[in-house]
C-alpha atoms as a PDB file:
ATOM      1  CA  ASN A   1      77.033 111.398 108.099  1.00  0.00           C
ATOM      2  CA  THR A   2      78.776 111.894 104.765  1.00  0.00           C
ATOM      3  CA  MET A   3      81.743 113.791 106.176  1.00  0.00           C
ATOM      4  CA  MET A   4      82.472 111.141 108.797  1.00  0.00           C
ATOM      5  CA  MET A   5      82.242 108.362 106.201  1.00  0.00           C
ATOM      6  CA  SER A   6      84.788 110.203 104.050  1.00  0.00           C
ATOM      7  CA  LEU A   7      87.163 110.730 106.980  1.00  0.00           C
ATOM      8  CA  ILE A   8      86.982 107.101 108.061  1.00  0.00           C
ATOM      9  CA  SER A   9      87.503 105.881 104.503  1.00  0.00           C
ATOM     10  CA  MET A  10      90.504 108.203 104.217  1.00  0.00           C
ATOM     11  CA  GLY A  11      92.137 106.500 107.193  1.00  0.00           C
ATOM     12  CA  VAL A  12      91.282 102.974 106.075  1.00  0.00           C
ATOM     13  CA  VAL A  13      92.435 103.545 102.497  1.00  0.00           C
ATOM     14  CA  SER A  14      95.664 105.223 103.638  1.00  0.00           C
ATOM     15  CA  MET A  15      96.629 102.299 105.854  1.00  0.00           C
ATOM     16  CA  THR A  16      95.644  99.724 103.224  1.00  0.00           C
ATOM     17  CA  TRP A  17      97.609 101.587 100.556  1.00  0.00           C
ATOM     18  CA  MET A  18     100.723 101.792 102.740  1.00  0.00           C
ATOM     19  CA  LEU A  19     100.579  98.116 103.734  1.00  0.00           C
ATOM     20  CA  ALA A  20      99.729  96.335 100.483  1.00  0.00           C
ATOM     21  CA  GLY A  21      98.101  98.571  97.876  1.00  0.00           C
ATOM     22  CA  PHE A  22     101.243 100.260  96.633  1.00  0.00           C
ATOM     23  CA  SER A  23     103.040  96.963  96.348  1.00  0.00           C
ATOM     24  CA  LEU A  24     100.199  95.394  94.367  1.00  0.00           C
ATOM     25  CA  ALA A  25     100.001  98.408  92.063  1.00  0.00           C
ATOM     26  CA  PHE A  26     103.703  99.072  91.523  1.00  0.00           C
ATOM     27  CA  GLY A  27     105.437  95.791  92.449  1.00  0.00           C
ATOM     28  CA  ASP A  28     108.101  94.482  90.088  1.00  0.00           C
ATOM     29  CA  GLY A  29     106.979  90.896  89.591  1.00  0.00           C
ATOM     30  CA  GLY A  30     103.610  89.243  89.355  1.00  0.00           C
ATOM     31  CA  GLY A  31     101.461  89.288  86.269  1.00  0.00           C
ATOM     32  CA  LYS A  32     100.763  91.924  83.657  1.00  0.00           C
ATOM     33  CA  ILE A  33      98.038  93.644  85.680  1.00  0.00           C
ATOM     34  CA  ILE A  34      98.918  93.149  89.333  1.00  0.00           C
ATOM     35  CA  GLY A  35     102.297  93.390  91.036  1.00  0.00           C
ATOM     36  CA  ASP A  36     103.798  91.349  93.816  1.00  0.00           C
ATOM     37  CA  LEU A  37     104.336  92.039  97.510  1.00  0.00           C
ATOM     38  CA  ASN A  38     107.981  93.174  97.305  1.00  0.00           C
ATOM     39  CA  TYR A  39     107.092  96.505  98.930  1.00  0.00           C
ATOM     40  CA  PHE A  40     104.618  95.116 101.497  1.00  0.00           C
ATOM     41  CA  GLY A  41     104.643  97.455 104.488  1.00  0.00           C
ATOM     42  CA  MET A  42     107.047  99.779 102.643  1.00  0.00           C
ATOM     43  CA  MET A  43     109.909  97.275 102.944  1.00  0.00           C
ATOM     44  CA  GLY A  44     113.036  98.481 101.180  1.00  0.00           C
ATOM     45  CA  MET A  45     111.661 101.931 100.410  1.00  0.00           C
ATOM     46  CA  LEU A  46     114.095 103.755 102.691  1.00  0.00           C
ATOM     47  CA  ASP A  47     117.067 102.101 100.982  1.00  0.00           C
ATOM     48  CA  MET A  48     116.313 103.689  97.601  1.00  0.00           C
ATOM     49  CA  ASP A  49     117.409 107.237  96.726  1.00  0.00           C
ATOM     50  CA  VAL A  50     114.835 107.935  93.997  1.00  0.00           C
ATOM     51  CA  TRP A  51     111.948 106.024  92.457  1.00  0.00           C
ATOM     52  CA  ASP A  52     112.846 104.591  89.038  1.00  0.00           C
ATOM     53  CA  GLY A  53     111.947 106.896  86.175  1.00  0.00           C
ATOM     54  CA  THR A  54     111.443 109.941  88.413  1.00  0.00           C
ATOM     55  CA  THR A  55     113.486 112.337  90.506  1.00  0.00           C
ATOM     56  CA  LEU A  56     111.231 111.809  93.539  1.00  0.00           C
ATOM     57  CA  PRO A  57     112.134 110.038  96.760  1.00  0.00           C
ATOM     58  CA  PRO A  58     110.168 106.780  97.015  1.00  0.00           C
ATOM     59  CA  LEU A  59     107.975 107.791  99.964  1.00  0.00           C
ATOM     60  CA  VAL A  60     106.953 111.019  98.197  1.00  0.00           C
ATOM     61  CA  PHE A  61     105.920 108.932  95.188  1.00  0.00           C
ATOM     62  CA  VAL A  62     103.933 106.578  97.466  1.00  0.00           C
ATOM     63  CA  VAL A  63     102.036 109.440  99.119  1.00  0.00           C
ATOM     64  CA  PHE A  64     101.385 111.139  95.758  1.00  0.00           C
ATOM     65  CA  GLN A  65      99.817 107.959  94.378  1.00  0.00           C
ATOM     66  CA  MET A  66      97.917 107.413  97.633  1.00  0.00           C
ATOM     67  CA  THR A  67      96.055 110.702  97.136  1.00  0.00           C
ATOM     68  CA  PHE A  68      94.357 109.225  94.076  1.00  0.00           C
ATOM     69  CA  ALA A  69      93.278 106.126  96.013  1.00  0.00           C
ATOM     70  CA  VAL A  70      91.834 108.323  98.781  1.00  0.00           C
ATOM     71  CA  ILE A  71      90.063 110.649  96.339  1.00  0.00           C
ATOM     72  CA  GLY A  72      88.561 107.652  94.531  1.00  0.00           C
ATOM     73  CA  CYS A  73      87.080 106.309  97.770  1.00  0.00           C
ATOM     74  CA  ALA A  74      85.765 109.735  98.753  1.00  0.00           C
ATOM     75  CA  ILE A  75      84.011 110.060  95.395  1.00  0.00           C
ATOM     76  CA  ILE A  76      82.452 106.610  95.738  1.00  0.00           C
ATOM     77  CA  SER A  77      81.291 107.218  99.309  1.00  0.00           C
ATOM     78  CA  GLY A  78      79.823 110.581  98.268  1.00  0.00           C
ATOM     79  CA  SER A  79      77.925 109.023  95.401  1.00  0.00           C
ATOM     80  CA  ILE A  80      76.391 106.397  97.688  1.00  0.00           C
ATOM     81  CA  VAL A  81      74.743 109.130  99.762  1.00  0.00           C
ATOM     82  CA  GLU A  82      73.213 110.826  96.741  1.00  0.00           C
END
């Protein structure tokens, strides 16, 4: 079922993004393409007032970016069915 596959992928991608994905995408160190695990499991996110370069609280920025990861997986899972 396409709808169930999208719902399950939404849960899996959300948890993966919160644990390690955000840190690998937006971490401070690491290489030029991939970040480090400074924010693994959202460590240190509650201590910051705003995300650098924005006026958003850090968790709002994390959830905003997570929507794009979820939408990307939903598009891929929908294209597999077709």
